[in-house]
Amino acid sequence: MALLLSGASLALAQSTPQPAQDGMLKNGPPTWDRNHDGVYTCDEWKSFLDRIFTLADRNRDGILSPSEFTTVQKADATLADADFGYFDENQDGKITRKEFVEKPSAFILQFDRNGDCRVTADEIKAAATPKGPQGPAERPRDRFH
């Protein structure tokens, strides 16, 4: 899930060492920051997924088949490793727009320390700063992470 930050945030993300276990910034900052303010929100994530769904739903039936899902994986580096089963909530072999758009962002789940559905440069920096011998605290994840 590749993403783009504003200048100051980009410099922060590039200069701050990232914890090996997160991998969320391995391709650089997320590109789905729609207004390029360096703050990643749940609304921006959902808007990003909605645009990707529209692109991938080639036959415009409101459902992604496994073959259409390959377009999702090619659409953005952020989704290159996306798993069909993760988005297919009811495991019926197809993904509805709601199933796709309503999936939480692993990036937000990991870095949104205060639960406001916004990830700021400070939260990214805090996640990269070791907290004693254990390293950064892990946020609980939903059952799909």
Protein backbone atom coordinates (compact mmCIF):
# COMPACT_ATOMS: atom_id res chain seq x y z
CA MET A 1 0.00 0.00 0.00
CA ALA A 2 2.18 2.80 -1.26
CA LEU A 3 1.41 6.26 -0.02
CA LEU A 4 2.58 9.89 -0.45
CA LEU A 5 3.38 12.42 2.28
CA SER A 6 3.88 16.15 2.15
CA GLY A 7 7.46 17.42 2.11
CA ALA A 8 8.03 17.68 5.87
CA SER A 9 6.28 14.41 6.62
CA LEU A 10 8.10 12.68 3.80
CA ALA A 11 11.44 13.78 5.19
CA LEU A 12 10.41 12.50 8.61
CA ALA A 13 9.32 9.12 7.26
CA GLN A 14 12.50 8.73 5.24
CA SER A 15 14.91 9.86 7.94
CA THR A 16 13.32 8.03 10.86
CA PRO A 17 14.33 4.38 11.15
CA GLN A 18 11.29 2.16 10.87
CA PRO A 19 10.71 -0.84 13.12
CA ALA A 20 11.47 -4.01 11.19
CA GLN A 21 8.20 -5.63 12.20
CA ASP A 22 5.87 -2.96 10.78
CA GLY A 23 6.77 -3.01 7.08
CA MET A 24 4.01 -0.47 6.49
CA LEU A 25 6.40 2.16 5.20
CA LYS A 26 8.69 -0.11 3.19
CA ASN A 27 7.49 1.46 -0.08
CA GLY A 28 7.58 4.95 1.36
CA PRO A 29 4.70 6.91 2.80
CA PRO A 30 1.14 6.03 1.73
CA THR A 31 -0.18 7.55 -1.51
CA TRP A 32 -3.78 7.71 -0.37
CA ASP A 33 -3.31 10.97 1.56
CA ARG A 34 -5.83 12.68 -0.73
CA ASN A 35 -5.19 16.27 0.38
CA HIS A 36 -1.42 15.71 0.83
CA ASP A 37 -1.39 17.14 4.34
CA GLY A 38 0.68 14.31 5.81
CA VAL A 39 -2.26 13.06 7.91
CA TYR A 40 -3.79 9.73 6.90
CA THR A 41 -7.46 9.35 7.77
CA CYS A 42 -10.00 6.54 7.65
CA ASP A 43 -12.10 8.63 5.25
CA GLU A 44 -9.14 9.00 2.88
CA TRP A 45 -8.52 5.24 3.10
CA LYS A 46 -12.15 4.46 2.26
CA SER A 47 -12.12 6.93 -0.62
CA PHE A 48 -8.93 5.33 -1.94
CA LEU A 49 -10.46 1.84 -1.73
CA ASP A 50 -13.65 3.05 -3.42
CA ARG A 51 -11.64 4.38 -6.37
CA ILE A 52 -9.65 1.13 -6.59
CA PHE A 53 -12.87 -0.93 -6.48
CA THR A 54 -14.35 1.10 -9.35
CA LEU A 55 -11.17 0.58 -11.37
CA ALA A 56 -11.10 -3.18 -10.72
CA ASP A 57 -14.82 -3.87 -11.27
CA ARG A 58 -14.43 -4.20 -15.03
CA ASN A 59 -17.91 -5.56 -15.72
CA ARG A 60 -19.55 -3.00 -13.38
CA ASP A 61 -21.61 -5.59 -11.52
CA GLY A 62 -20.66 -4.24 -8.06
CA ILE A 63 -18.67 -7.36 -7.21
CA LEU A 64 -14.99 -8.22 -7.54
CA SER A 65 -14.20 -11.72 -8.75
CA PRO A 66 -10.81 -13.30 -8.08
CA SER A 67 -9.72 -12.42 -11.62
CA GLU A 68 -10.81 -8.77 -11.18
CA PHE A 69 -8.94 -8.69 -7.86
CA THR A 70 -5.64 -8.91 -9.70
CA THR A 71 -6.32 -5.34 -10.85
CA VAL A 72 -6.49 -4.32 -7.17
CA GLN A 73 -3.05 -5.80 -6.56
CA LYS A 74 -1.60 -3.96 -9.57
CA ALA A 75 -3.32 -0.62 -8.91
CA ASP A 76 -1.06 0.57 -6.11
CA ALA A 77 2.03 -0.77 -4.34
CA THR A 78 0.06 -0.51 -1.10
CA LEU A 79 -2.16 -3.35 -2.30
CA ALA A 80 0.45 -5.45 -4.11
CA ASP A 81 0.35 -8.14 -1.41
CA ALA A 82 -3.39 -7.85 -0.72
CA ASP A 83 -5.19 -11.12 -0.14
CA PHE A 84 -8.59 -11.81 -1.72
CA GLY A 85 -9.73 -13.71 1.38
CA TYR A 86 -9.01 -10.74 3.65
CA PHE A 87 -11.55 -8.62 1.79
CA ASP A 88 -14.08 -11.43 1.21
CA GLU A 89 -15.65 -11.05 4.65
CA ASN A 90 -18.30 -13.77 4.23
CA GLN A 91 -15.98 -16.06 2.20
CA ASP A 92 -18.47 -16.43 -0.66
CA GLY A 93 -15.84 -16.13 -3.39
CA LYS A 94 -16.68 -12.54 -4.32
CA ILE A 95 -16.06 -9.12 -2.82
CA THR A 96 -18.80 -6.51 -2.66
CA ARG A 97 -18.01 -2.81 -2.64
CA LYS A 98 -19.04 -2.65 1.03
CA GLU A 99 -16.76 -5.55 1.99
CA PHE A 100 -13.87 -3.91 0.17
CA VAL A 101 -14.31 -0.29 1.26
CA GLU A 102 -15.16 -1.06 4.89
CA LYS A 103 -11.97 -3.06 5.57
CA PRO A 104 -9.74 -1.18 7.99
CA SER A 105 -6.32 -0.03 6.92
CA ALA A 106 -3.53 -2.05 8.53
CA PHE A 107 -1.49 1.17 8.40
CA ILE A 108 -4.06 3.06 10.48
CA LEU A 109 -4.52 0.13 12.86
CA GLN A 110 -0.79 0.07 13.51
CA PHE A 111 0.03 3.76 13.76
CA ASP A 112 -3.15 5.46 15.08
CA ARG A 113 -2.11 5.55 18.73
CA ASN A 114 -5.01 7.65 20.05
CA GLY A 115 -7.82 5.94 18.12
CA ASP A 116 -9.06 9.05 16.29
CA CYS A 117 -8.87 7.39 12.85
CA ARG A 118 -6.04 9.74 11.84
CA VAL A 119 -2.34 8.97 11.58
CA THR A 120 -0.04 11.94 12.00
CA ALA A 121 3.71 12.28 11.46
CA ASP A 122 4.10 12.35 15.25
CA GLU A 123 2.33 8.98 15.57
CA ILE A 124 4.54 7.47 12.88
CA LYS A 125 7.62 8.83 14.63
CA ALA A 126 6.41 7.53 18.01
CA ALA A 127 5.91 4.06 16.55
CA ALA A 128 9.47 4.10 15.25
CA THR A 129 10.94 5.12 18.60
CA PRO A 130 11.85 2.08 20.73
CA LYS A 131 10.18 2.03 24.12
CA GLY A 132 12.66 0.29 26.37
CA PRO A 133 13.98 -3.18 25.62
CA GLN A 134 10.65 -4.41 24.19
CA GLY A 135 10.47 -1.88 21.32
CA PRO A 136 7.30 -0.05 20.34
CA ALA A 137 3.99 -1.22 21.76
CA GLU A 138 1.82 -3.13 19.32
CA ARG A 139 -1.76 -2.04 18.75
CA PRO A 140 -4.40 -4.76 18.84
CA ARG A 141 -5.49 -5.81 15.38
CA ASP A 142 -8.76 -7.09 14.08
CA ARG A 143 -9.10 -10.80 13.33
CA PHE A 144 -7.85 -10.36 9.76
CA HIS A 145 -4.42 -8.95 10.67
